[in-house]
Full PDB file with SEQRES, HELIX, SHEET, SSBOND, CRYST1, ORIGX, SCALE, CONECT and MASTER records, all heavy atoms in Angstrom:
SEQRES   1 A   34  ALA ASP SER ASN GLY ASN LEU TYR VAL THR THR GLY THR          
SEQRES   2 A   34  GLY SER PHE ASP ALA THR ILE GLY GLY GLY ILE SER PHE          
SEQRES   3 A   34  ALA LYS LEU THR PRO ASN GLY SER                              
SHEET    1 AA1 2 LEU A   7  THR A  11  0                                        
SHEET    2 AA1 2 SER A  25  LEU A  29 -1                                        
SHEET    1 AA2 2 PHE A  16  ASP A  17  0                                        
SHEET    2 AA2 2 GLY A  21  GLY A  22 -1                                        
CRYST1    1.000    1.000    1.000  90.00  90.00  90.00 P 1           1          
ORIGX1      1.000000  0.000000  0.000000        0.00000                         
ORIGX2      0.000000  1.000000  0.000000        0.00000                         
ORIGX3      0.000000  0.000000  1.000000        0.00000                         
SCALE1      1.000000  0.000000  0.000000        0.00000                         
SCALE2      0.000000  1.000000  0.000000        0.00000                         
SCALE3      0.000000  0.000000  1.000000        0.00000                         
ATOM      1  N   ALA A   1      30.682  76.625  36.823  1.00  0.00           N  
ATOM      2  CA  ALA A   1      31.322  77.283  35.812  1.00  0.00           C  
ATOM      3  C   ALA A   1      32.838  76.981  35.832  1.00  0.00           C  
ATOM      4  O   ALA A   1      33.443  76.573  36.798  1.00  0.00           O  
ATOM      5  CB  ALA A   1      31.099  78.798  35.929  1.00  0.00           C  
ATOM      6  N   ASP A   2      33.470  77.175  34.654  1.00  0.00           N  
ATOM      7  CA  ASP A   2      34.956  76.932  34.618  1.00  0.00           C  
ATOM      8  C   ASP A   2      35.630  78.289  34.566  1.00  0.00           C  
ATOM      9  O   ASP A   2      35.093  79.340  34.522  1.00  0.00           O  
ATOM     10  CB  ASP A   2      35.328  76.017  33.398  1.00  0.00           C  
ATOM     11  CG  ASP A   2      35.000  76.666  32.035  1.00  0.00           C  
ATOM     12  OD1 ASP A   2      34.852  77.971  31.999  1.00  0.00           O  
ATOM     13  OD2 ASP A   2      34.895  75.964  31.022  1.00  0.00           O  
ATOM     14  N   SER A   3      36.963  78.232  34.532  1.00  0.00           N  
ATOM     15  CA  SER A   3      37.885  79.395  34.565  1.00  0.00           C  
ATOM     16  C   SER A   3      37.741  80.267  33.361  1.00  0.00           C  
ATOM     17  O   SER A   3      38.179  81.395  33.353  1.00  0.00           O  
ATOM     18  CB  SER A   3      39.346  79.010  34.773  1.00  0.00           C  
ATOM     19  OG  SER A   3      39.793  78.110  33.747  1.00  0.00           O  
ATOM     20  N   ASN A   4      37.191  79.741  32.304  1.00  0.00           N  
ATOM     21  CA  ASN A   4      37.031  80.551  31.063  1.00  0.00           C  
ATOM     22  C   ASN A   4      35.595  81.146  30.965  1.00  0.00           C  
ATOM     23  O   ASN A   4      35.269  81.863  30.010  1.00  0.00           O  
ATOM     24  CB  ASN A   4      37.113  79.632  29.867  1.00  0.00           C  
ATOM     25  CG  ASN A   4      38.570  79.139  29.636  1.00  0.00           C  
ATOM     26  OD1 ASN A   4      39.599  79.892  29.904  1.00  0.00           O  
ATOM     27  ND2 ASN A   4      38.778  77.849  29.269  1.00  0.00           N  
ATOM     28  N   GLY A   5      34.831  81.037  32.046  1.00  0.00           N  
ATOM     29  CA  GLY A   5      33.590  81.737  32.119  1.00  0.00           C  
ATOM     30  C   GLY A   5      32.386  80.998  31.484  1.00  0.00           C  
ATOM     31  O   GLY A   5      31.291  81.495  31.281  1.00  0.00           O  
ATOM     32  N   ASN A   6      32.561  79.673  31.136  1.00  0.00           N  
ATOM     33  CA  ASN A   6      31.534  78.785  30.667  1.00  0.00           C  
ATOM     34  C   ASN A   6      30.635  78.205  31.761  1.00  0.00           C  
ATOM     35  O   ASN A   6      31.221  77.915  32.835  1.00  0.00           O  
ATOM     36  CB  ASN A   6      32.059  77.652  29.813  1.00  0.00           C  
ATOM     37  CG  ASN A   6      32.918  78.143  28.671  1.00  0.00           C  
ATOM     38  OD1 ASN A   6      32.454  78.814  27.722  1.00  0.00           O  
ATOM     39  ND2 ASN A   6      34.224  77.826  28.648  1.00  0.00           N  
ATOM     40  N   LEU A   7      29.391  78.173  31.533  1.00  0.00           N  
ATOM     41  CA  LEU A   7      28.403  77.616  32.430  1.00  0.00           C  
ATOM     42  C   LEU A   7      28.003  76.191  32.059  1.00  0.00           C  
ATOM     43  O   LEU A   7      28.082  75.869  30.832  1.00  0.00           O  
ATOM     44  CB  LEU A   7      27.103  78.422  32.618  1.00  0.00           C  
ATOM     45  CG  LEU A   7      27.147  79.744  33.359  1.00  0.00           C  
ATOM     46  CD1 LEU A   7      28.128  80.823  32.715  1.00  0.00           C  
ATOM     47  CD2 LEU A   7      25.764  80.344  33.389  1.00  0.00           C  
ATOM     48  N   TYR A   8      27.755  75.320  32.988  1.00  0.00           N  
ATOM     49  CA  TYR A   8      27.336  73.946  32.709  1.00  0.00           C  
ATOM     50  C   TYR A   8      26.034  73.624  33.330  1.00  0.00           C  
ATOM     51  O   TYR A   8      25.847  73.852  34.592  1.00  0.00           O  
ATOM     52  CB  TYR A   8      28.550  72.969  33.141  1.00  0.00           C  
ATOM     53  CG  TYR A   8      29.702  73.179  32.396  1.00  0.00           C  
ATOM     54  CD1 TYR A   8      30.696  74.078  32.837  1.00  0.00           C  
ATOM     55  CD2 TYR A   8      30.061  72.528  31.183  1.00  0.00           C  
ATOM     56  CE1 TYR A   8      31.881  74.363  32.152  1.00  0.00           C  
ATOM     57  CE2 TYR A   8      31.249  72.839  30.485  1.00  0.00           C  
ATOM     58  CZ  TYR A   8      32.146  73.722  30.992  1.00  0.00           C  
ATOM     59  OH  TYR A   8      33.265  73.909  30.270  1.00  0.00           O  
ATOM     60  N   VAL A   9      25.151  73.106  32.529  1.00  0.00           N  
ATOM     61  CA  VAL A   9      23.815  72.707  33.039  1.00  0.00           C  
ATOM     62  C   VAL A   9      23.406  71.326  32.555  1.00  0.00           C  
ATOM     63  O   VAL A   9      23.884  70.902  31.482  1.00  0.00           O  
ATOM     64  CB  VAL A   9      22.712  73.729  32.672  1.00  0.00           C  
ATOM     65  CG1 VAL A   9      23.023  75.162  33.264  1.00  0.00           C  
ATOM     66  CG2 VAL A   9      22.540  73.810  31.112  1.00  0.00           C  
ATOM     67  N   THR A  10      22.558  70.659  33.259  1.00  0.00           N  
ATOM     68  CA  THR A  10      21.884  69.452  32.748  1.00  0.00           C  
ATOM     69  C   THR A  10      20.397  69.643  32.735  1.00  0.00           C  
ATOM     70  O   THR A  10      19.830  70.331  33.464  1.00  0.00           O  
ATOM     71  CB  THR A  10      22.265  68.331  33.680  1.00  0.00           C  
ATOM     72  OG1 THR A  10      21.875  68.616  35.069  1.00  0.00           O  
ATOM     73  CG2 THR A  10      23.673  67.887  33.647  1.00  0.00           C  
ATOM     74  N   THR A  11      19.750  68.939  31.766  1.00  0.00           N  
ATOM     75  CA  THR A  11      18.322  69.097  31.513  1.00  0.00           C  
ATOM     76  C   THR A  11      17.704  67.645  31.627  1.00  0.00           C  
ATOM     77  O   THR A  11      18.305  66.717  31.352  1.00  0.00           O  
ATOM     78  CB  THR A  11      18.069  69.722  30.166  1.00  0.00           C  
ATOM     79  OG1 THR A  11      18.547  68.790  29.102  1.00  0.00           O  
ATOM     80  CG2 THR A  11      18.652  71.057  29.941  1.00  0.00           C  
ATOM     81  N   GLY A  12      16.382  67.765  32.017  1.00  0.00           N  
ATOM     82  CA  GLY A  12      15.672  66.505  32.136  1.00  0.00           C  
ATOM     83  C   GLY A  12      14.362  66.500  31.307  1.00  0.00           C  
ATOM     84  O   GLY A  12      13.484  67.282  31.683  1.00  0.00           O  
ATOM     85  N   THR A  13      14.245  65.646  30.367  1.00  0.00           N  
ATOM     86  CA  THR A  13      13.067  65.440  29.501  1.00  0.00           C  
ATOM     87  C   THR A  13      12.698  66.629  28.678  1.00  0.00           C  
ATOM     88  O   THR A  13      13.170  67.759  29.070  1.00  0.00           O  
ATOM     89  CB  THR A  13      11.824  65.020  30.391  1.00  0.00           C  
ATOM     90  OG1 THR A  13      11.360  66.097  31.106  1.00  0.00           O  
ATOM     91  CG2 THR A  13      12.149  63.887  31.304  1.00  0.00           C  
ATOM     92  N   GLY A  14      11.930  66.404  27.649  1.00  0.00           N  
ATOM     93  CA  GLY A  14      11.418  67.578  26.831  1.00  0.00           C  
ATOM     94  C   GLY A  14      11.976  67.324  25.378  1.00  0.00           C  
ATOM     95  O   GLY A  14      12.513  66.333  24.993  1.00  0.00           O  
ATOM     96  N   SER A  15      11.724  68.366  24.589  1.00  0.00           N  
ATOM     97  CA  SER A  15      12.047  68.279  23.121  1.00  0.00           C  
ATOM     98  C   SER A  15      13.579  68.420  22.960  1.00  0.00           C  
ATOM     99  O   SER A  15      14.267  69.058  23.707  1.00  0.00           O  
ATOM    100  CB  SER A  15      11.324  69.287  22.318  1.00  0.00           C  
ATOM    101  OG  SER A  15      11.595  70.620  22.883  1.00  0.00           O  
ATOM    102  N   PHE A  16      14.069  67.652  21.894  1.00  0.00           N  
ATOM    103  CA  PHE A  16      15.519  67.609  21.677  1.00  0.00           C  
ATOM    104  C   PHE A  16      15.779  68.178  20.313  1.00  0.00           C  
ATOM    105  O   PHE A  16      15.022  68.006  19.292  1.00  0.00           O  
ATOM    106  CB  PHE A  16      15.923  66.126  21.629  1.00  0.00           C  
ATOM    107  CG  PHE A  16      17.391  65.886  21.242  1.00  0.00           C  
ATOM    108  CD1 PHE A  16      18.391  66.202  22.214  1.00  0.00           C  
ATOM    109  CD2 PHE A  16      17.659  65.437  20.034  1.00  0.00           C  
ATOM    110  CE1 PHE A  16      19.738  65.938  21.814  1.00  0.00           C  
ATOM    111  CE2 PHE A  16      18.998  65.251  19.602  1.00  0.00           C  
ATOM    112  CZ  PHE A  16      19.998  65.520  20.540  1.00  0.00           C  
ATOM    113  N   ASP A  17      16.890  68.882  20.180  1.00  0.00           N  
ATOM    114  CA  ASP A  17      17.371  69.569  18.938  1.00  0.00           C  
ATOM    115  C   ASP A  17      18.783  69.043  18.669  1.00  0.00           C  
ATOM    116  O   ASP A  17      19.643  69.149  19.553  1.00  0.00           O  
ATOM    117  CB  ASP A  17      17.277  71.068  19.098  1.00  0.00           C  
ATOM    118  CG  ASP A  17      17.727  71.775  17.787  1.00  0.00           C  
ATOM    119  OD1 ASP A  17      18.653  71.238  17.137  1.00  0.00           O  
ATOM    120  OD2 ASP A  17      17.157  72.801  17.504  1.00  0.00           O  
ATOM    121  N   ALA A  18      19.066  68.410  17.588  1.00  0.00           N  
ATOM    122  CA  ALA A  18      20.244  67.688  17.275  1.00  0.00           C  
ATOM    123  C   ALA A  18      21.382  68.848  17.150  1.00  0.00           C  
ATOM    124  O   ALA A  18      22.606  68.350  17.147  1.00  0.00           O  
ATOM    125  CB  ALA A  18      20.193  66.989  15.968  1.00  0.00           C  
ATOM    126  N   THR A  19      21.143  70.068  17.011  1.00  0.00           N  
ATOM    127  CA  THR A  19      22.129  71.025  16.902  1.00  0.00           C  
ATOM    128  C   THR A  19      22.557  71.663  18.274  1.00  0.00           C  
ATOM    129  O   THR A  19      23.753  72.163  18.390  1.00  0.00           O  
ATOM    130  CB  THR A  19      21.737  72.243  16.043  1.00  0.00           C  
ATOM    131  OG1 THR A  19      20.595  72.874  16.530  1.00  0.00           O  
ATOM    132  CG2 THR A  19      21.412  71.624  14.639  1.00  0.00           C  
ATOM    133  N   ILE A  20      21.710  71.641  19.223  1.00  0.00           N  
ATOM    134  CA  ILE A  20      21.961  72.287  20.574  1.00  0.00           C  
ATOM    135  C   ILE A  20      21.650  71.412  21.728  1.00  0.00           C  
ATOM    136  O   ILE A  20      21.945  71.771  22.849  1.00  0.00           O  
ATOM    137  CB  ILE A  20      21.272  73.618  20.755  1.00  0.00           C  
ATOM    138  CG1 ILE A  20      19.774  73.460  20.679  1.00  0.00           C  
ATOM    139  CG2 ILE A  20      21.740  74.691  19.662  1.00  0.00           C  
ATOM    140  CD1 ILE A  20      18.985  74.777  21.113  1.00  0.00           C  
ATOM    141  N   GLY A  21      21.018  70.295  21.606  1.00  0.00           N  
ATOM    142  CA  GLY A  21      20.600  69.382  22.625  1.00  0.00           C  
ATOM    143  C   GLY A  21      19.262  69.731  23.188  1.00  0.00           C  
ATOM    144  O   GLY A  21      18.253  69.854  22.428  1.00  0.00           O  
ATOM    145  N   GLY A  22      19.120  69.766  24.483  1.00  0.00           N  
ATOM    146  CA  GLY A  22      17.823  69.889  25.090  1.00  0.00           C  
ATOM    147  C   GLY A  22      17.386  68.430  25.473  1.00  0.00           C  
ATOM    148  O   GLY A  22      18.171  67.548  25.381  1.00  0.00           O  
ATOM    149  N   GLY A  23      16.073  68.270  25.763  1.00  0.00           N  
ATOM    150  CA  GLY A  23      15.594  66.955  26.225  1.00  0.00           C  
ATOM    151  C   GLY A  23      16.446  66.482  27.400  1.00  0.00           C  
ATOM    152  O   GLY A  23      16.397  67.078  28.440  1.00  0.00           O  
ATOM    153  N   ILE A  24      17.199  65.452  27.212  1.00  0.00           N  
ATOM    154  CA  ILE A  24      18.149  64.880  28.257  1.00  0.00           C  
ATOM    155  C   ILE A  24      19.498  65.200  27.760  1.00  0.00           C  
ATOM    156  O   ILE A  24      20.104  64.459  26.967  1.00  0.00           O  
ATOM    157  CB  ILE A  24      17.878  63.370  28.472  1.00  0.00           C  
ATOM    158  CG1 ILE A  24      16.409  63.133  28.955  1.00  0.00           C  
ATOM    159  CG2 ILE A  24      18.893  62.812  29.567  1.00  0.00           C  
ATOM    160  CD1 ILE A  24      16.065  61.690  29.097  1.00  0.00           C  
ATOM    161  N   SER A  25      20.164  66.220  28.329  1.00  0.00           N  
ATOM    162  CA  SER A  25      21.429  66.665  27.919  1.00  0.00           C  
ATOM    163  C   SER A  25      22.333  67.269  29.044  1.00  0.00           C  
ATOM    164  O   SER A  25      21.790  67.661  30.015  1.00  0.00           O  
ATOM    165  CB  SER A  25      21.319  67.757  26.809  1.00  0.00           C  
ATOM    166  OG  SER A  25      20.697  67.144  25.607  1.00  0.00           O  
ATOM    167  N   PHE A  26      23.614  67.285  28.701  1.00  0.00           N  
ATOM    168  CA  PHE A  26      24.575  67.900  29.592  1.00  0.00           C  
ATOM    169  C   PHE A  26      25.166  69.036  28.673  1.00  0.00           C  
ATOM    170  O   PHE A  26      25.695  68.699  27.551  1.00  0.00           O  
ATOM    171  CB  PHE A  26      25.711  66.923  30.021  1.00  0.00           C  
ATOM    172  CG  PHE A  26      26.678  67.480  31.078  1.00  0.00           C  
ATOM    173  CD1 PHE A  26      26.838  66.809  32.253  1.00  0.00           C  
ATOM    174  CD2 PHE A  26      27.459  68.611  30.749  1.00  0.00           C  
ATOM    175  CE1 PHE A  26      27.726  67.299  33.165  1.00  0.00           C  
ATOM    176  CE2 PHE A  26      28.318  69.122  31.625  1.00  0.00           C  
ATOM    177  CZ  PHE A  26      28.463  68.406  32.918  1.00  0.00           C  
ATOM    178  N   ALA A  27      25.023  70.317  28.958  1.00  0.00           N  
ATOM    179  CA  ALA A  27      25.298  71.367  28.082  1.00  0.00           C  
ATOM    180  C   ALA A  27      26.296  72.345  28.613  1.00  0.00           C  
ATOM    181  O   ALA A  27      26.329  72.659  29.768  1.00  0.00           O  
ATOM    182  CB  ALA A  27      24.084  72.044  27.651  1.00  0.00           C  
ATOM    183  N   LYS A  28      27.105  72.904  27.678  1.00  0.00           N  
ATOM    184  CA  LYS A  28      28.009  74.067  27.962  1.00  0.00           C  
ATOM    185  C   LYS A  28      27.431  75.198  27.367  1.00  0.00           C  
ATOM    186  O   LYS A  28      27.074  75.353  26.172  1.00  0.00           O  
ATOM    187  CB  LYS A  28      29.455  73.689  27.305  1.00  0.00           C  
ATOM    188  CG  LYS A  28      30.453  74.825  27.415  1.00  0.00           C  
ATOM    189  CD  LYS A  28      31.718  74.431  26.683  1.00  0.00           C  
ATOM    190  CE  LYS A  28      32.780  75.391  26.686  1.00  0.00           C  
ATOM    191  NZ  LYS A  28      33.939  74.914  25.895  1.00  0.00           N  
ATOM    192  N   LEU A  29      27.183  76.202  28.244  1.00  0.00           N  
ATOM    193  CA  LEU A  29      26.706  77.558  27.819  1.00  0.00           C  
ATOM    194  C   LEU A  29      27.770  78.607  27.917  1.00  0.00           C  
ATOM    195  O   LEU A  29      28.480  78.814  29.033  1.00  0.00           O  
ATOM    196  CB  LEU A  29      25.492  78.016  28.725  1.00  0.00           C  
ATOM    197  CG  LEU A  29      24.344  76.962  28.913  1.00  0.00           C  
ATOM    198  CD1 LEU A  29      23.253  77.495  29.762  1.00  0.00           C  
ATOM    199  CD2 LEU A  29      23.769  76.570  27.510  1.00  0.00           C  
ATOM    200  N   THR A  30      27.953  79.402  26.934  1.00  0.00           N  
ATOM    201  CA  THR A  30      29.047  80.376  26.861  1.00  0.00           C  
ATOM    202  C   THR A  30      28.489  81.760  26.689  1.00  0.00           C  
ATOM    203  O   THR A  30      27.618  82.037  25.761  1.00  0.00           O  
ATOM    204  CB  THR A  30      29.924  80.145  25.690  1.00  0.00           C  
ATOM    205  OG1 THR A  30      30.489  78.812  25.848  1.00  0.00           O  
ATOM    206  CG2 THR A  30      31.108  81.096  25.642  1.00  0.00           C  
ATOM    207  N   PRO A  31      28.841  82.740  27.524  1.00  0.00           N  
ATOM    208  CA  PRO A  31      28.450  84.139  27.317  1.00  0.00           C  
ATOM    209  C   PRO A  31      28.799  84.608  26.003  1.00  0.00           C  
ATOM    210  O   PRO A  31      29.915  84.406  25.515  1.00  0.00           O  
ATOM    211  CB  PRO A  31      29.156  84.884  28.517  1.00  0.00           C  
ATOM    212  CG  PRO A  31      29.408  83.775  29.555  1.00  0.00           C  
ATOM    213  CD  PRO A  31      29.640  82.552  28.745  1.00  0.00           C  
ATOM    214  N   ASN A  32      27.853  85.286  25.373  1.00  0.00           N  
ATOM    215  CA  ASN A  32      28.054  85.671  23.900  1.00  0.00           C  
ATOM    216  C   ASN A  32      28.534  87.109  23.718  1.00  0.00           C  
ATOM    217  O   ASN A  32      28.633  87.638  22.602  1.00  0.00           O  
ATOM    218  CB  ASN A  32      26.762  85.416  23.112  1.00  0.00           C  
ATOM    219  CG  ASN A  32      25.577  86.246  23.602  1.00  0.00           C  
ATOM    220  OD1 ASN A  32      25.744  87.221  24.395  1.00  0.00           O  
ATOM    221  ND2 ASN A  32      24.416  85.714  23.347  1.00  0.00           N  
ATOM    222  N   GLY A  33      28.790  87.816  24.831  1.00  0.00           N  
ATOM    223  CA  GLY A  33      29.352  89.166  24.719  1.00  0.00           C  
ATOM    224  C   GLY A  33      28.315  90.221  24.679  1.00  0.00           C  
ATOM    225  O   GLY A  33      28.635  91.425  24.863  1.00  0.00           O  
ATOM    226  N   SER A  34      27.040  89.859  24.535  1.00  0.00           N  
ATOM    227  CA  SER A  34      25.998  90.781  24.475  1.00  0.00           C  
ATOM    228  C   SER A  34      24.952  90.565  25.709  1.00  0.00           C  
ATOM    229  O   SER A  34      23.836  90.988  25.523  1.00  0.00           O  
ATOM    230  CB  SER A  34      25.204  90.750  23.160  1.00  0.00           C  
ATOM    231  OG  SER A  34      24.679  89.462  22.890  1.00  0.00           O  
TER     232      SER A  34                                                      
MASTER        0    0    0    0    4    0    0    6  231    1    0    3          
END                                                                             
């Protein structure tokens, strides 16, 4: 995680969505307040 509270994950194989990634991706996840 970074100092702004974002999490970072990598994924391996699977279905891919052009708007959020998935499949094989490096992703930034941000807490949404809820």
